[in-house]
Amino acid sequence: MSVHTSEISIKVALDENKIPEKLQWSAPDGGVHSEESKAVLLSVWDHKAQEALRIDLWTKDMPLDEMKVFFHQTLTAMADTFQRATSDEKMSDTMRDFCDYFAEKLELTKK
């Protein structure tokens, strides 16, 4: 049995059409308490069905330019996570090459 459990929560405020207006997330063990966000991408692995389950949320006022940067940073983080999880440096580098291509095509500048 686990000695400690930790909780991460996402609170979604919806408008009358059930469109997200406000997102807040908390991770008390990480020192995060009701922080606002404009977008959340969450993937959960269902080992029984052997498939990824997803929750993709963004507020209706999420700026398009920020969404592009969010996706680029998420893809880059996935390449890093893939390398740590699999030690597959060649594929991780290929993923990073795609991230560079993605940033170039969207004309994103590193800040």
PDB file of N, CA and C in Angstrom:
ATOM      1  N   MET A   1       0.838  -1.192   0.000  1.00  0.00           N
ATOM      2  CA  MET A   1       0.000   0.000   0.000  1.00  0.00           C
ATOM      3  C   MET A   1       0.879   1.250   0.000  1.00  0.00           C
ATOM      4  N   SER A   2       0.423   2.261  -0.701  1.00  0.00           N
ATOM      5  CA  SER A   2       1.176   3.513  -0.803  1.00  0.00           C
ATOM      6  C   SER A   2       1.249   4.220   0.544  1.00  0.00           C
ATOM      7  N   VAL A   3       2.406   4.789   0.815  1.00  0.00           N
ATOM      8  CA  VAL A   3       2.606   5.542   2.043  1.00  0.00           C
ATOM      9  C   VAL A   3       2.001   6.935   1.912  1.00  0.00           C
ATOM     10  N   HIS A   4       2.048   7.480   0.718  1.00  0.00           N
ATOM     11  CA  HIS A   4       1.579   8.850   0.492  1.00  0.00           C
ATOM     12  C   HIS A   4       0.800   8.904  -0.820  1.00  0.00           C
ATOM     13  N   THR A   5      -0.247   9.661  -0.835  1.00  0.00           N
ATOM     14  CA  THR A   5      -0.947   9.929  -2.088  1.00  0.00           C
ATOM     15  C   THR A   5      -0.893  11.427  -2.343  1.00  0.00           C
ATOM     16  N   SER A   6      -0.989  11.771  -3.592  1.00  0.00           N
ATOM     17  CA  SER A   6      -0.945  13.164  -3.998  1.00  0.00           C
ATOM     18  C   SER A   6      -2.074  13.399  -4.986  1.00  0.00           C
ATOM     19  N   GLU A   7      -2.624  14.581  -4.966  1.00  0.00           N
ATOM     20  CA  GLU A   7      -3.747  14.883  -5.844  1.00  0.00           C
ATOM     21  C   GLU A   7      -3.441  16.094  -6.716  1.00  0.00           C
ATOM     22  N   ILE A   8      -3.801  15.970  -7.972  1.00  0.00           N
ATOM     23  CA  ILE A   8      -3.739  17.079  -8.918  1.00  0.00           C
ATOM     24  C   ILE A   8      -5.162  17.277  -9.402  1.00  0.00           C
ATOM     25  N   SER A   9      -5.643  18.512  -9.359  1.00  0.00           N
ATOM     26  CA  SER A   9      -7.032  18.740  -9.771  1.00  0.00           C
ATOM     27  C   SER A   9      -7.123  19.859 -10.799  1.00  0.00           C
ATOM     28  N   ILE A  10      -8.150  19.757 -11.623  1.00  0.00           N
ATOM     29  CA  ILE A  10      -8.446  20.768 -12.635  1.00  0.00           C
ATOM     30  C   ILE A  10      -9.905  21.161 -12.463  1.00  0.00           C
ATOM     31  N   LYS A  11     -10.143  22.440 -12.266  1.00  0.00           N
ATOM     32  CA  LYS A  11     -11.496  22.951 -12.118  1.00  0.00           C
ATOM     33  C   LYS A  11     -11.853  23.708 -13.400  1.00  0.00           C
ATOM     34  N   VAL A  12     -12.986  23.373 -13.991  1.00  0.00           N
ATOM     35  CA  VAL A  12     -13.400  23.962 -15.263  1.00  0.00           C
ATOM     36  C   VAL A  12     -14.724  24.706 -15.058  1.00  0.00           C
ATOM     37  N   ALA A  13     -14.703  26.012 -15.299  1.00  0.00           N
ATOM     38  CA  ALA A  13     -15.931  26.813 -15.259  1.00  0.00           C
ATOM     39  C   ALA A  13     -16.457  26.908 -16.689  1.00  0.00           C
ATOM     40  N   LEU A  14     -17.710  26.523 -16.884  1.00  0.00           N
ATOM     41  CA  LEU A  14     -18.314  26.482 -18.216  1.00  0.00           C
ATOM     42  C   LEU A  14     -19.351  27.580 -18.382  1.00  0.00           C
ATOM     43  N   ASP A  15     -19.536  28.025 -19.623  1.00  0.00           N
ATOM     44  CA  ASP A  15     -20.615  28.971 -19.905  1.00  0.00           C
ATOM     45  C   ASP A  15     -21.910  28.189 -20.123  1.00  0.00           C
ATOM     46  N   GLU A  16     -22.964  28.879 -20.527  1.00  0.00           N
ATOM     47  CA  GLU A  16     -24.275  28.240 -20.713  1.00  0.00           C
ATOM     48  C   GLU A  16     -24.268  27.181 -21.817  1.00  0.00           C
ATOM     49  N   ASN A  17     -23.283  27.254 -22.734  1.00  0.00           N
ATOM     50  CA  ASN A  17     -23.158  26.268 -23.810  1.00  0.00           C
ATOM     51  C   ASN A  17     -22.119  25.193 -23.496  1.00  0.00           C
ATOM     52  N   LYS A  18     -21.697  25.158 -22.251  1.00  0.00           N
ATOM     53  CA  LYS A  18     -20.698  24.193 -21.769  1.00  0.00           C
ATOM     54  C   LYS A  18     -19.336  24.354 -22.447  1.00  0.00           C
ATOM     55  N   ILE A  19     -19.005  25.603 -22.793  1.00  0.00           N
ATOM     56  CA  ILE A  19     -17.699  25.951 -23.336  1.00  0.00           C
ATOM     57  C   ILE A  19     -16.844  26.457 -22.164  1.00  0.00           C
ATOM     58  N   PRO A  20     -15.607  25.952 -22.021  1.00  0.00           N
ATOM     59  CA  PRO A  20     -14.773  26.417 -20.906  1.00  0.00           C
ATOM     60  C   PRO A  20     -14.517  27.921 -20.953  1.00  0.00           C
ATOM     61  N   GLU A  21     -14.809  28.567 -19.832  1.00  0.00           N
ATOM     62  CA  GLU A  21     -14.534  29.998 -19.685  1.00  0.00           C
ATOM     63  C   GLU A  21     -13.310  30.235 -18.806  1.00  0.00           C
ATOM     64  N   LYS A  22     -13.111  29.328 -17.848  1.00  0.00           N
ATOM     65  CA  LYS A  22     -12.021  29.494 -16.898  1.00  0.00           C
ATOM     66  C   LYS A  22     -11.511  28.122 -16.481  1.00  0.00           C
ATOM     67  N   LEU A  23     -10.196  28.003 -16.423  1.00  0.00           N
ATOM     68  CA  LEU A  23      -9.547  26.775 -15.968  1.00  0.00           C
ATOM     69  C   LEU A  23      -8.647  27.126 -14.787  1.00  0.00           C
ATOM     70  N   GLN A  24      -8.729  26.304 -13.755  1.00  0.00           N
ATOM     71  CA  GLN A  24      -7.835  26.443 -12.613  1.00  0.00           C
ATOM     72  C   GLN A  24      -7.285  25.068 -12.279  1.00  0.00           C
ATOM     73  N   TRP A  25      -6.016  25.019 -11.923  1.00  0.00           N
ATOM     74  CA  TRP A  25      -5.434  23.740 -11.544  1.00  0.00           C
ATOM     75  C   TRP A  25      -4.694  23.884 -10.226  1.00  0.00           C
ATOM     76  N   SER A  26      -4.654  22.778  -9.512  1.00  0.00           N
ATOM     77  CA  SER A  26      -3.975  22.732  -8.221  1.00  0.00           C
ATOM     78  C   SER A  26      -3.154  21.454  -8.126  1.00  0.00           C
ATOM     79  N   ALA A  27      -1.986  21.584  -7.539  1.00  0.00           N
ATOM     80  CA  ALA A  27      -1.110  20.454  -7.231  1.00  0.00           C
ATOM     81  C   ALA A  27      -0.432  20.810  -5.904  1.00  0.00           C
ATOM     82  N   PRO A  28      -1.153  20.620  -4.804  1.00  0.00           N
ATOM     83  CA  PRO A  28      -0.651  21.074  -3.498  1.00  0.00           C
ATOM     84  C   PRO A  28       0.759  20.594  -3.152  1.00  0.00           C
ATOM     85  N   ASP A  29       1.116  19.355  -3.500  1.00  0.00           N
ATOM     86  CA  ASP A  29       2.462  18.866  -3.189  1.00  0.00           C
ATOM     87  C   ASP A  29       3.526  19.623  -3.975  1.00  0.00           C
ATOM     88  N   GLY A  30       3.142  20.225  -5.097  1.00  0.00           N
ATOM     89  CA  GLY A  30       4.071  21.014  -5.902  1.00  0.00           C
ATOM     90  C   GLY A  30       3.973  22.502  -5.608  1.00  0.00           C
ATOM     91  N   GLY A  31       3.150  22.867  -4.616  1.00  0.00           N
ATOM     92  CA  GLY A  31       3.003  24.273  -4.240  1.00  0.00           C
ATOM     93  C   GLY A  31       2.087  25.068  -5.153  1.00  0.00           C
ATOM     94  N   VAL A  32       1.253  24.377  -5.936  1.00  0.00           N
ATOM     95  CA  VAL A  32       0.345  25.058  -6.857  1.00  0.00           C
ATOM     96  C   VAL A  32      -1.062  25.012  -6.266  1.00  0.00           C
ATOM     97  N   HIS A  33      -1.658  26.186  -6.111  1.00  0.00           N
ATOM     98  CA  HIS A  33      -2.997  26.289  -5.528  1.00  0.00           C
ATOM     99  C   HIS A  33      -3.877  27.195  -6.379  1.00  0.00           C
ATOM    100  N   SER A  34      -4.862  26.626  -7.037  1.00  0.00           N
ATOM    101  CA  SER A  34      -5.848  27.368  -7.831  1.00  0.00           C
ATOM    102  C   SER A  34      -5.206  28.348  -8.807  1.00  0.00           C
ATOM    103  N   GLU A  35      -4.241  27.868  -9.567  1.00  0.00           N
ATOM    104  CA  GLU A  35      -3.602  28.702 -10.587  1.00  0.00           C
ATOM    105  C   GLU A  35      -4.451  28.690 -11.848  1.00  0.00           C
ATOM    106  N   GLU A  36      -4.595  29.864 -12.450  1.00  0.00           N
ATOM    107  CA  GLU A  36      -5.364  29.968 -13.677  1.00  0.00           C
ATOM    108  C   GLU A  36      -4.550  29.497 -14.869  1.00  0.00           C
ATOM    109  N   SER A  37      -5.255  28.928 -15.835  1.00  0.00           N
ATOM    110  CA  SER A  37      -4.645  28.489 -17.077  1.00  0.00           C
ATOM    111  C   SER A  37      -5.627  28.750 -18.211  1.00  0.00           C
ATOM    112  N   LYS A  38      -5.120  28.835 -19.416  1.00  0.00           N
ATOM    113  CA  LYS A  38      -5.975  29.013 -20.589  1.00  0.00           C
ATOM    114  C   LYS A  38      -6.155  27.716 -21.361  1.00  0.00           C
ATOM    115  N   ALA A  39      -5.296  26.703 -21.087  1.00  0.00           N
ATOM    116  CA  ALA A  39      -5.393  25.437 -21.821  1.00  0.00           C
ATOM    117  C   ALA A  39      -4.802  24.296 -21.003  1.00  0.00           C
ATOM    118  N   VAL A  40      -5.359  23.105 -21.227  1.00  0.00           N
ATOM    119  CA  VAL A  40      -4.886  21.881 -20.571  1.00  0.00           C
ATOM    120  C   VAL A  40      -4.953  20.747 -21.578  1.00  0.00           C
ATOM    121  N   LEU A  41      -3.872  20.004 -21.704  1.00  0.00           N
ATOM    122  CA  LEU A  41      -3.857  18.768 -22.493  1.00  0.00           C
ATOM    123  C   LEU A  41      -3.452  17.664 -21.532  1.00  0.00           C
ATOM    124  N   LEU A  42      -4.303  16.657 -21.383  1.00  0.00           N
ATOM    125  CA  LEU A  42      -4.039  15.570 -20.444  1.00  0.00           C
ATOM    126  C   LEU A  42      -4.204  14.240 -21.162  1.00  0.00           C
ATOM    127  N   SER A  43      -3.195  13.393 -21.059  1.00  0.00           N
ATOM    128  CA  SER A  43      -3.258  12.051 -21.624  1.00  0.00           C
ATOM    129  C   SER A  43      -3.119  11.049 -20.490  1.00  0.00           C
ATOM    130  N   VAL A  44      -3.946  10.022 -20.540  1.00  0.00           N
ATOM    131  CA  VAL A  44      -3.920   8.957 -19.542  1.00  0.00           C
ATOM    132  C   VAL A  44      -3.853   7.628 -20.284  1.00  0.00           C
ATOM    133  N   TRP A  45      -2.942   6.748 -19.881  1.00  0.00           N
ATOM    134  CA  TRP A  45      -2.797   5.455 -20.533  1.00  0.00           C
ATOM    135  C   TRP A  45      -3.727   4.437 -19.899  1.00  0.00           C
ATOM    136  N   ASP A  46      -4.609   3.866 -20.700  1.00  0.00           N
ATOM    137  CA  ASP A  46      -5.488   2.771 -20.272  1.00  0.00           C
ATOM    138  C   ASP A  46      -4.799   1.471 -20.670  1.00  0.00           C
ATOM    139  N   HIS A  47      -4.145   0.818 -19.701  1.00  0.00           N
ATOM    140  CA  HIS A  47      -3.360  -0.375 -20.029  1.00  0.00           C
ATOM    141  C   HIS A  47      -4.236  -1.563 -20.412  1.00  0.00           C
ATOM    142  N   LYS A  48      -5.465  -1.600 -19.935  1.00  0.00           N
ATOM    143  CA  LYS A  48      -6.359  -2.713 -20.298  1.00  0.00           C
ATOM    144  C   LYS A  48      -6.774  -2.621 -21.765  1.00  0.00           C
ATOM    145  N   ALA A  49      -7.155  -1.434 -22.195  1.00  0.00           N
ATOM    146  CA  ALA A  49      -7.586  -1.236 -23.584  1.00  0.00           C
ATOM    147  C   ALA A  49      -6.401  -0.940 -24.508  1.00  0.00           C
ATOM    148  N   GLN A  50      -5.209  -0.719 -23.915  1.00  0.00           N
ATOM    149  CA  GLN A  50      -4.010  -0.387 -24.685  1.00  0.00           C
ATOM    150  C   GLN A  50      -4.236   0.845 -25.566  1.00  0.00           C
ATOM    151  N   GLU A  51      -4.762   1.905 -24.925  1.00  0.00           N
ATOM    152  CA  GLU A  51      -4.997   3.145 -25.671  1.00  0.00           C
ATOM    153  C   GLU A  51      -4.864   4.352 -24.761  1.00  0.00           C
ATOM    154  N   ALA A  52      -4.540   5.464 -25.388  1.00  0.00           N
ATOM    155  CA  ALA A  52      -4.442   6.728 -24.667  1.00  0.00           C
ATOM    156  C   ALA A  52      -5.815   7.379 -24.619  1.00  0.00           C
ATOM    157  N   LEU A  53      -6.159   7.860 -23.437  1.00  0.00           N
ATOM    158  CA  LEU A  53      -7.392   8.619 -23.247  1.00  0.00           C
ATOM    159  C   LEU A  53      -6.981  10.075 -23.068  1.00  0.00           C
ATOM    160  N   ARG A  54      -7.757  10.987 -23.639  1.00  0.00           N
ATOM    161  CA  ARG A  54      -7.336  12.390 -23.634  1.00  0.00           C
ATOM    162  C   ARG A  54      -8.427  13.315 -23.143  1.00  0.00           C
ATOM    163  N   ILE A  55      -7.974  14.381 -22.527  1.00  0.00           N
ATOM    164  CA  ILE A  55      -8.826  15.525 -22.215  1.00  0.00           C
ATOM    165  C   ILE A  55      -8.089  16.739 -22.771  1.00  0.00           C
ATOM    166  N   ASP A  56      -8.691  17.404 -23.723  1.00  0.00           N
ATOM    167  CA  ASP A  56      -8.116  18.608 -24.332  1.00  0.00           C
ATOM    168  C   ASP A  56      -9.087  19.756 -24.069  1.00  0.00           C
ATOM    169  N   LEU A  57      -8.665  20.718 -23.276  1.00  0.00           N
ATOM    170  CA  LEU A  57      -9.523  21.847 -22.927  1.00  0.00           C
ATOM    171  C   LEU A  57      -8.782  23.157 -23.143  1.00  0.00           C
ATOM    172  N   TRP A  58      -9.499  24.153 -23.615  1.00  0.00           N
ATOM    173  CA  TRP A  58      -8.956  25.505 -23.669  1.00  0.00           C
ATOM    174  C   TRP A  58     -10.121  26.472 -23.540  1.00  0.00           C
ATOM    175  N   THR A  59      -9.823  27.612 -22.953  1.00  0.00           N
ATOM    176  CA  THR A  59     -10.864  28.609 -22.752  1.00  0.00           C
ATOM    177  C   THR A  59     -11.144  29.328 -24.066  1.00  0.00           C
ATOM    178  N   LYS A  60     -12.349  29.875 -24.150  1.00  0.00           N
ATOM    179  CA  LYS A  60     -12.731  30.524 -25.404  1.00  0.00           C
ATOM    180  C   LYS A  60     -11.932  31.799 -25.663  1.00  0.00           C
ATOM    181  N   ASP A  61     -11.230  32.299 -24.632  1.00  0.00           N
ATOM    182  CA  ASP A  61     -10.413  33.493 -24.845  1.00  0.00           C
ATOM    183  C   ASP A  61      -8.916  33.169 -24.956  1.00  0.00           C
ATOM    184  N   MET A  62      -8.585  31.900 -25.190  1.00  0.00           N
ATOM    185  CA  MET A  62      -7.183  31.513 -25.395  1.00  0.00           C
ATOM    186  C   MET A  62      -6.711  32.117 -26.714  1.00  0.00           C
ATOM    187  N   PRO A  63      -5.704  32.988 -26.681  1.00  0.00           N
ATOM    188  CA  PRO A  63      -5.214  33.598 -27.913  1.00  0.00           C
ATOM    189  C   PRO A  63      -4.568  32.564 -28.837  1.00  0.00           C
ATOM    190  N   LEU A  64      -4.814  32.695 -30.120  1.00  0.00           N
ATOM    191  CA  LEU A  64      -4.295  31.756 -31.111  1.00  0.00           C
ATOM    192  C   LEU A  64      -2.767  31.705 -31.102  1.00  0.00           C
ATOM    193  N   ASP A  65      -2.114  32.847 -30.970  1.00  0.00           N
ATOM    194  CA  ASP A  65      -0.655  32.843 -30.961  1.00  0.00           C
ATOM    195  C   ASP A  65      -0.116  32.101 -29.741  1.00  0.00           C
ATOM    196  N   GLU A  66      -0.789  32.215 -28.599  1.00  0.00           N
ATOM    197  CA  GLU A  66      -0.372  31.477 -27.404  1.00  0.00           C
ATOM    198  C   GLU A  66      -0.638  29.982 -27.571  1.00  0.00           C
ATOM    199  N   MET A  67      -1.725  29.620 -28.266  1.00  0.00           N
ATOM    200  CA  MET A  67      -2.034  28.204 -28.500  1.00  0.00           C
ATOM    201  C   MET A  67      -0.929  27.561 -29.331  1.00  0.00           C
ATOM    202  N   LYS A  68      -0.421  28.279 -30.315  1.00  0.00           N
ATOM    203  CA  LYS A  68       0.656  27.750 -31.152  1.00  0.00           C
ATOM    204  C   LYS A  68       1.923  27.524 -30.328  1.00  0.00           C
ATOM    205  N   VAL A  69       2.251  28.465 -29.467  1.00  0.00           N
ATOM    206  CA  VAL A  69       3.421  28.326 -28.602  1.00  0.00           C
ATOM    207  C   VAL A  69       3.208  27.181 -27.611  1.00  0.00           C
ATOM    208  N   PHE A  70       2.008  27.074 -27.062  1.00  0.00           N
ATOM    209  CA  PHE A  70       1.662  25.991 -26.133  1.00  0.00           C
ATOM    210  C   PHE A  70       1.868  24.628 -26.789  1.00  0.00           C
ATOM    211  N   PHE A  71       1.384  24.475 -28.011  1.00  0.00           N
ATOM    212  CA  PHE A  71       1.568  23.204 -28.718  1.00  0.00           C
ATOM    213  C   PHE A  71       3.043  22.924 -28.981  1.00  0.00           C
ATOM    214  N   HIS A  72       3.789  23.936 -29.408  1.00  0.00           N
ATOM    215  CA  HIS A  72       5.214  23.736 -29.663  1.00  0.00           C
ATOM    216  C   HIS A  72       5.939  23.293 -28.395  1.00  0.00           C
ATOM    217  N   GLN A  73       5.684  23.973 -27.294  1.00  0.00           N
ATOM    218  CA  GLN A  73       6.336  23.610 -26.037  1.00  0.00           C
ATOM    219  C   GLN A  73       5.911  22.222 -25.574  1.00  0.00           C
ATOM    220  N   THR A  74       4.651  21.866 -25.791  1.00  0.00           N
ATOM    221  CA  THR A  74       4.155  20.540 -25.408  1.00  0.00           C
ATOM    222  C   THR A  74       4.833  19.455 -26.236  1.00  0.00           C
ATOM    223  N   LEU A  75       4.937  19.677 -27.540  1.00  0.00           N
ATOM    224  CA  LEU A  75       5.607  18.704 -28.404  1.00  0.00           C
ATOM    225  C   LEU A  75       7.079  18.537 -28.018  1.00  0.00           C
ATOM    226  N   THR A  76       7.741  19.640 -27.721  1.00  0.00           N
ATOM    227  CA  THR A  76       9.139  19.598 -27.307  1.00  0.00           C
ATOM    228  C   THR A  76       9.289  18.827 -25.993  1.00  0.00           C
ATOM    229  N   ALA A  77       8.394  19.085 -25.056  1.00  0.00           N
ATOM    230  CA  ALA A  77       8.427  18.365 -23.776  1.00  0.00           C
ATOM    231  C   ALA A  77       8.171  16.874 -23.982  1.00  0.00           C
ATOM    232  N   MET A  78       7.295  16.536 -24.925  1.00  0.00           N
ATOM    233  CA  MET A  78       7.025  15.126 -25.206  1.00  0.00           C
ATOM    234  C   MET A  78       8.273  14.428 -25.752  1.00  0.00           C
ATOM    235  N   ALA A  79       9.051  15.119 -26.571  1.00  0.00           N
ATOM    236  CA  ALA A  79      10.295  14.542 -27.083  1.00  0.00           C
ATOM    237  C   ALA A  79      11.260  14.264 -25.934  1.00  0.00           C
ATOM    238  N   ASP A  80      11.368  15.201 -25.001  1.00  0.00           N
ATOM    239  CA  ASP A  80      12.237  15.009 -23.835  1.00  0.00           C
ATOM    240  C   ASP A  80      11.744  13.854 -22.971  1.00  0.00           C
ATOM    241  N   THR A  81      10.436  13.810 -22.737  1.00  0.00           N
ATOM    242  CA  THR A  81       9.850  12.741 -21.930  1.00  0.00           C
ATOM    243  C   THR A  81      10.027  11.387 -22.604  1.00  0.00           C
ATOM    244  N   PHE A  82       9.859  11.351 -23.928  1.00  0.00           N
ATOM    245  CA  PHE A  82      10.044  10.105 -24.672  1.00  0.00           C
ATOM    246  C   PHE A  82      11.469   9.583 -24.485  1.00  0.00           C
ATOM    247  N   GLN A  83      12.435  10.487 -24.545  1.00  0.00           N
ATOM    248  CA  GLN A  83      13.827  10.064 -24.378  1.00  0.00           C
ATOM    249  C   GLN A  83      14.062   9.529 -22.967  1.00  0.00           C
ATOM    250  N   ARG A  84      13.550  10.225 -21.947  1.00  0.00           N
ATOM    251  CA  ARG A  84      13.732   9.746 -20.568  1.00  0.00           C
ATOM    252  C   ARG A  84      13.043   8.404 -20.351  1.00  0.00           C
ATOM    253  N   ALA A  85      11.869   8.214 -20.965  1.00  0.00           N
ATOM    254  CA  ALA A  85      11.086   6.996 -20.755  1.00  0.00           C
ATOM    255  C   ALA A  85      11.617   5.796 -21.522  1.00  0.00           C
ATOM    256  N   THR A  86      12.212   6.038 -22.688  1.00  0.00           N
ATOM    257  CA  THR A  86      12.606   4.927 -23.565  1.00  0.00           C
ATOM    258  C   THR A  86      14.107   4.823 -23.819  1.00  0.00           C
ATOM    259  N   SER A  87      14.851   5.876 -23.533  1.00  0.00           N
ATOM    260  CA  SER A  87      16.279   5.969 -23.862  1.00  0.00           C
ATOM    261  C   SER A  87      16.529   5.868 -25.364  1.00  0.00           C
ATOM    262  N   ASP A  88      15.508   6.145 -26.160  1.00  0.00           N
ATOM    263  CA  ASP A  88      15.630   6.089 -27.619  1.00  0.00           C
ATOM    264  C   ASP A  88      16.039   7.476 -28.123  1.00  0.00           C
ATOM    265  N   GLU A  89      17.341   7.695 -28.158  1.00  0.00           N
ATOM    266  CA  GLU A  89      17.869   9.004 -28.526  1.00  0.00           C
ATOM    267  C   GLU A  89      17.590   9.358 -29.988  1.00  0.00           C
ATOM    268  N   LYS A  90      17.688   8.366 -30.866  1.00  0.00           N
ATOM    269  CA  LYS A  90      17.489   8.618 -32.297  1.00  0.00           C
ATOM    270  C   LYS A  90      16.058   9.119 -32.571  1.00  0.00           C
ATOM    271  N   MET A  91      15.058   8.454 -32.015  1.00  0.00           N
ATOM    272  CA  MET A  91      13.679   8.886 -32.245  1.00  0.00           C
ATOM    273  C   MET A  91      13.392  10.205 -31.532  1.00  0.00           C
ATOM    274  N   SER A  92      13.984  10.398 -30.361  1.00  0.00           N
ATOM    275  CA  SER A  92      13.808  11.663 -29.640  1.00  0.00           C
ATOM    276  C   SER A  92      14.363  12.818 -30.465  1.00  0.00           C
ATOM    277  N   ASP A  93      15.519  12.603 -31.090  1.00  0.00           N
ATOM    278  CA  ASP A  93      16.100  13.636 -31.951  1.00  0.00           C
ATOM    279  C   ASP A  93      15.216  13.888 -33.174  1.00  0.00           C
ATOM    280  N   THR A  94      14.620  12.836 -33.705  1.00  0.00           N
ATOM    281  CA  THR A  94      13.701  12.987 -34.837  1.00  0.00           C
ATOM    282  C   THR A  94      12.483  13.807 -34.425  1.00  0.00           C
ATOM    283  N   MET A  95      11.995  13.548 -33.230  1.00  0.00           N
ATOM    284  CA  MET A  95      10.860  14.326 -32.726  1.00  0.00           C
ATOM    285  C   MET A  95      11.247  15.798 -32.557  1.00  0.00           C
ATOM    286  N   ARG A  96      12.454  16.038 -32.051  1.00  0.00           N
ATOM    287  CA  ARG A  96      12.920  17.421 -31.879  1.00  0.00           C
ATOM    288  C   ARG A  96      13.086  18.113 -33.234  1.00  0.00           C
ATOM    289  N   ASP A  97      13.533  17.359 -34.244  1.00  0.00           N
ATOM    290  CA  ASP A  97      13.620  17.923 -35.598  1.00  0.00           C
ATOM    291  C   ASP A  97      12.241  18.377 -36.061  1.00  0.00           C
ATOM    292  N   PHE A  98      11.223  17.551 -35.793  1.00  0.00           N
ATOM    293  CA  PHE A  98       9.867  17.951 -36.160  1.00  0.00           C
ATOM    294  C   PHE A  98       9.452  19.210 -35.393  1.00  0.00           C
ATOM    295  N   CYS A  99       9.813  19.289 -34.121  1.00  0.00           N
ATOM    296  CA  CYS A  99       9.474  20.469 -33.320  1.00  0.00           C
ATOM    297  C   CYS A  99      10.105  21.730 -33.916  1.00  0.00           C
ATOM    298  N   ASP A 100      11.341  21.601 -34.382  1.00  0.00           N
ATOM    299  CA  ASP A 100      11.998  22.738 -35.040  1.00  0.00           C
ATOM    300  C   ASP A 100      11.255  23.121 -36.318  1.00  0.00           C
ATOM    301  N   TYR A 101      10.868  22.125 -37.094  1.00  0.00           N
ATOM    302  CA  TYR A 101      10.093  22.352 -38.325  1.00  0.00           C
ATOM    303  C   TYR A 101       8.759  23.020 -38.001  1.00  0.00           C
ATOM    304  N   PHE A 102       8.068  22.532 -36.978  1.00  0.00           N
ATOM    305  CA  PHE A 102       6.783  23.068 -36.528  1.00  0.00           C
ATOM    306  C   PHE A 102       6.939  24.562 -36.176  1.00  0.00           C
ATOM    307  N   ALA A 103       7.977  24.877 -35.400  1.00  0.00           N
ATOM    308  CA  ALA A 103       8.226  26.264 -34.993  1.00  0.00           C
ATOM    309  C   ALA A 103       8.548  27.140 -36.200  1.00  0.00           C
ATOM    310  N   GLU A 104       9.323  26.601 -37.121  1.00  0.00           N
ATOM    311  CA  GLU A 104       9.680  27.356 -38.319  1.00  0.00           C
ATOM    312  C   GLU A 104       8.439  27.673 -39.155  1.00  0.00           C
ATOM    313  N   LYS A 105       7.593  26.665 -39.385  1.00  0.00           N
ATOM    314  CA  LYS A 105       6.408  26.855 -40.215  1.00  0.00           C
ATOM    315  C   LYS A 105       5.399  27.805 -39.569  1.00  0.00           C
ATOM    316  N   LEU A 106       5.348  27.812 -38.233  1.00  0.00           N
ATOM    317  CA  LEU A 106       4.430  28.729 -37.517  1.00  0.00           C
ATOM    318  C   LEU A 106       5.077  30.078 -37.246  1.00  0.00           C
ATOM    319  N   GLU A 107       6.352  30.201 -37.663  1.00  0.00           N
ATOM    320  CA  GLU A 107       7.122  31.429 -37.461  1.00  0.00           C
ATOM    321  C   GLU A 107       7.170  31.812 -35.978  1.00  0.00           C
ATOM    322  N   LEU A 108       7.427  30.807 -35.145  1.00  0.00           N
ATOM    323  CA  LEU A 108       7.576  31.045 -33.718  1.00  0.00           C
ATOM    324  C   LEU A 108       9.018  31.431 -33.448  1.00  0.00           C
ATOM    325  N   THR A 109       9.212  32.380 -32.579  1.00  0.00           N
ATOM    326  CA  THR A 109      10.560  32.763 -32.184  1.00  0.00           C
ATOM    327  C   THR A 109      10.779  32.304 -30.748  1.00  0.00           C
ATOM    328  N   LYS A 110      11.991  31.870 -30.462  1.00  0.00           N
ATOM    329  CA  LYS A 110      12.300  31.450 -29.096  1.00  0.00           C
ATOM    330  C   LYS A 110      12.429  32.695 -28.221  1.00  0.00           C
ATOM    331  N   LYS A 111      11.716  32.632 -27.117  1.00  0.00           N
ATOM    332  CA  LYS A 111      11.731  33.787 -26.207  1.00  0.00           C
ATOM    333  C   LYS A 111      12.502  33.472 -24.959  1.00  0.00           C
TER     334      LYS A 111
END
